[in-house]
Amino acid sequence: MKLAVFFPGIGYHCDKPLLYYSRKLVQECGYKKTITLSYSYDGGNIRGNEEKMQQVFEILYAQAEKSLSAIDFNKYDEILFISKSVGTIIASAYAEKHNLKCRQILYTPLEYTYDYKHDNAIAFIGTSDPWSIVPEVQELSQKQKVPIYVYENTNHSLETEDTLENLKILQDVMLKTREYLIKR
């Protein structure tokens, strides 16, 4: 049996395009059980504030731990974590802390995501992502041998000002996501 767990960002919940459509894809690819996490945080803007970022990580990580505490990961043949933004840090930390052998899809990972080891993952980022120093994230990804797909002029949601262009980008991201899902 296959399990997929979705770790959203703070303002990017599981019904936003990247996580919504990837959830549809995993279901098509035989993941019978999907879990979508949600976090609550109302502490305002944290971008650029290292101390606040750490506090937020700890708060959200504790919420993820609580949400996943009843899951028996041992009963699954395959585990997949799909994450977005700060969720990429939480998913990576959770997998490492619980010594889970899982595949990971990292949508717009942050630098701290790579403080944790990734044995089988792919990543996606935009060159205009204000939450990351994109060349640094690319380098960290390459050091861990995590393929990273970079989208020109896209923001932290992998979007531009052009809606039709956004649909093309989303389609490309989902095609690459699907390729990763069906690859063993």
Protein backbone atom coordinates (compact mmCIF):
# COMPACT_ATOMS: atom_id res chain seq x y z
CA MET A 1 0.00 0.00 0.00
CA LYS A 2 1.20 3.51 -0.86
CA LEU A 3 0.95 6.62 1.34
CA ALA A 4 1.36 10.26 0.27
CA VAL A 5 1.63 13.02 2.86
CA PHE A 6 1.26 16.69 1.88
CA PHE A 7 3.13 19.36 3.86
CA PRO A 8 1.85 22.82 2.79
CA GLY A 9 3.44 26.20 3.28
CA ILE A 10 2.09 28.82 5.65
CA GLY A 11 -0.08 30.66 3.12
CA TYR A 12 -0.02 27.92 0.53
CA HIS A 13 -2.55 25.33 1.70
CA CYS A 14 -3.26 21.95 0.10
CA ASP A 15 -6.02 23.27 -2.17
CA LYS A 16 -3.68 25.64 -4.03
CA PRO A 17 -2.59 24.50 -7.53
CA LEU A 18 0.75 22.75 -6.90
CA LEU A 19 -0.56 20.64 -4.03
CA TYR A 20 -4.08 20.17 -5.39
CA TYR A 21 -2.94 18.81 -8.76
CA SER A 22 -0.10 16.76 -7.34
CA ARG A 23 -2.64 15.14 -5.01
CA LYS A 24 -4.76 14.21 -8.04
CA LEU A 25 -1.64 12.75 -9.70
CA VAL A 26 -0.67 10.61 -6.72
CA GLN A 27 -4.18 9.20 -6.58
CA GLU A 28 -3.95 8.33 -10.28
CA CYS A 29 -0.60 6.66 -9.55
CA GLY A 30 -2.06 4.29 -6.97
CA TYR A 31 -1.57 6.12 -3.69
CA LYS A 32 -4.68 4.90 -1.92
CA LYS A 33 -4.01 6.87 1.27
CA THR A 34 -3.33 10.59 1.20
CA ILE A 35 -2.92 12.86 4.20
CA THR A 36 -3.08 16.63 3.85
CA LEU A 37 -1.66 18.59 6.75
CA SER A 38 -2.63 22.11 7.69
CA TYR A 39 -0.90 24.46 10.09
CA SER A 40 -2.00 27.48 12.00
CA TYR A 41 0.35 30.41 12.45
CA ASP A 42 -0.62 34.03 12.88
CA GLY A 43 2.67 35.66 13.80
CA GLY A 44 2.95 37.93 10.77
CA ASN A 45 5.74 38.21 8.23
CA ILE A 46 8.82 36.09 8.91
CA ARG A 47 10.81 36.53 5.70
CA GLY A 48 14.40 37.55 6.40
CA ASN A 49 14.12 37.04 10.17
CA GLU A 50 16.21 33.99 11.14
CA GLU A 51 14.96 33.89 14.73
CA LYS A 52 11.30 34.08 13.72
CA MET A 53 11.87 31.46 10.99
CA GLN A 54 13.23 29.06 13.62
CA GLN A 55 10.28 29.72 15.94
CA VAL A 56 7.80 29.19 13.12
CA PHE A 57 9.54 25.97 12.09
CA GLU A 58 9.30 24.64 15.67
CA ILE A 59 5.61 25.61 15.98
CA LEU A 60 4.64 24.09 12.63
CA TYR A 61 6.83 21.01 13.10
CA ALA A 62 5.09 20.29 16.42
CA GLN A 63 1.72 20.55 14.64
CA ALA A 64 2.91 18.09 11.97
CA GLU A 65 4.17 15.68 14.64
CA LYS A 66 0.79 15.79 16.37
CA SER A 67 -1.13 15.32 13.09
CA LEU A 68 1.00 12.32 12.08
CA SER A 69 1.34 10.70 15.52
CA ALA A 70 -1.31 8.04 14.87
CA ILE A 71 0.11 6.97 11.48
CA ASP A 72 1.83 3.59 11.37
CA PHE A 73 4.33 4.24 8.59
CA ASN A 74 5.54 0.61 8.76
CA LYS A 75 2.36 -0.68 7.15
CA TYR A 76 3.11 1.15 3.87
CA ASP A 77 5.22 -0.28 1.04
CA GLU A 78 5.91 3.18 -0.31
CA ILE A 79 5.87 6.59 1.37
CA LEU A 80 5.88 9.89 -0.51
CA PHE A 81 6.18 13.35 1.03
CA ILE A 82 5.08 16.27 -1.14
CA SER A 83 5.86 19.64 0.34
CA LYS A 84 5.78 23.37 -0.39
CA SER A 85 7.95 26.17 1.02
CA VAL A 86 8.38 25.84 4.81
CA GLY A 87 6.66 22.46 4.45
CA THR A 88 9.79 21.23 2.64
CA ILE A 89 11.79 21.82 5.82
CA ILE A 90 9.15 20.17 8.00
CA ALA A 91 8.83 17.11 5.73
CA SER A 92 12.60 16.71 5.48
CA ALA A 93 13.09 17.06 9.24
CA TYR A 94 10.25 14.65 9.94
CA ALA A 95 11.61 12.00 7.56
CA GLU A 96 15.07 12.25 9.10
CA LYS A 97 13.91 12.28 12.73
CA HIS A 98 11.68 9.23 12.18
CA ASN A 99 14.22 7.50 9.92
CA LEU A 100 11.62 7.11 7.17
CA LYS A 101 12.62 5.80 3.78
CA CYS A 102 10.49 8.01 1.61
CA ARG A 103 10.55 9.77 -1.72
CA GLN A 104 10.10 13.53 -1.67
CA ILE A 105 8.83 16.21 -4.02
CA LEU A 106 10.00 19.64 -2.89
CA TYR A 107 8.06 22.57 -4.32
CA THR A 108 9.96 25.85 -3.78
CA PRO A 109 12.32 24.50 -1.09
CA LEU A 110 14.03 26.90 1.24
CA GLU A 111 17.74 26.84 2.04
CA TYR A 112 17.08 25.14 5.40
CA THR A 113 15.44 22.21 3.62
CA TYR A 114 18.92 21.01 2.74
CA ASP A 115 19.99 20.84 6.39
CA TYR A 116 18.44 17.38 6.07
CA LYS A 117 19.53 14.54 3.81
CA HIS A 118 17.48 13.58 0.73
CA ASP A 119 18.08 10.15 -0.78
CA ASN A 120 15.32 10.22 -3.37
CA ALA A 121 13.83 13.62 -4.16
CA ILE A 122 13.18 16.23 -6.83
CA ALA A 123 12.77 19.99 -6.41
CA PHE A 124 11.19 22.93 -8.23
CA ILE A 125 11.99 26.65 -7.81
CA GLY A 126 11.47 29.96 -9.60
CA THR A 127 14.22 32.46 -10.39
CA SER A 128 12.15 35.32 -8.88
CA ASP A 129 11.40 33.53 -5.62
CA PRO A 130 11.75 36.19 -2.90
CA TRP A 131 12.03 33.53 -0.18
CA SER A 132 15.26 32.05 -1.52
CA ILE A 133 18.64 32.96 -2.83
CA VAL A 134 17.98 30.73 -5.81
CA PRO A 135 21.61 29.99 -6.84
CA GLU A 136 22.34 28.86 -3.26
CA VAL A 137 19.31 26.57 -3.21
CA GLN A 138 20.36 25.16 -6.60
CA GLU A 139 23.86 24.48 -5.30
CA LEU A 140 22.58 22.80 -2.13
CA SER A 141 20.23 20.69 -4.23
CA GLN A 142 23.04 19.63 -6.57
CA LYS A 143 25.30 18.74 -3.61
CA GLN A 144 22.63 16.29 -2.45
CA LYS A 145 22.10 15.03 -6.01
CA VAL A 146 18.50 16.25 -5.92
CA PRO A 147 17.39 17.23 -9.44
CA ILE A 148 16.04 20.78 -9.33
CA TYR A 149 13.87 22.30 -12.04
CA VAL A 150 14.19 26.08 -12.33
CA TYR A 151 11.45 28.24 -13.84
CA GLU A 152 12.44 31.65 -15.21
CA ASN A 153 10.78 34.74 -13.71
CA THR A 154 8.43 32.76 -11.47
CA ASN A 155 7.72 33.63 -7.86
CA HIS A 156 7.36 31.52 -4.72
CA SER A 157 4.18 29.96 -6.14
CA LEU A 158 5.95 29.20 -9.45
CA GLU A 159 3.79 31.87 -11.08
CA THR A 160 4.25 35.02 -13.18
CA GLU A 161 1.90 37.93 -13.95
CA ASP A 162 0.54 36.02 -16.98
CA THR A 163 -2.25 33.57 -16.14
CA LEU A 164 -1.99 31.53 -19.34
CA GLU A 165 1.79 31.27 -18.88
CA ASN A 166 1.13 30.08 -15.32
CA LEU A 167 -1.03 27.27 -16.66
CA LYS A 168 1.80 26.17 -18.97
CA ILE A 169 4.26 26.26 -16.08
CA LEU A 170 1.87 24.30 -13.86
CA GLN A 171 1.41 21.71 -16.60
CA ASP A 172 5.18 21.33 -16.96
CA VAL A 173 5.62 20.98 -13.20
CA MET A 174 2.89 18.33 -13.08
CA LEU A 175 4.40 16.43 -16.04
CA LYS A 176 7.76 16.32 -14.23
CA THR A 177 5.99 15.37 -10.99
CA ARG A 178 4.18 12.53 -12.76
CA GLU A 179 7.42 11.29 -14.35
CA TYR A 180 8.98 11.17 -10.88
CA LEU A 181 5.94 9.35 -9.46
CA ILE A 182 5.97 6.59 -12.06
CA LYS A 183 9.76 6.17 -11.99
CA ARG A 184 10.94 3.54 -9.55
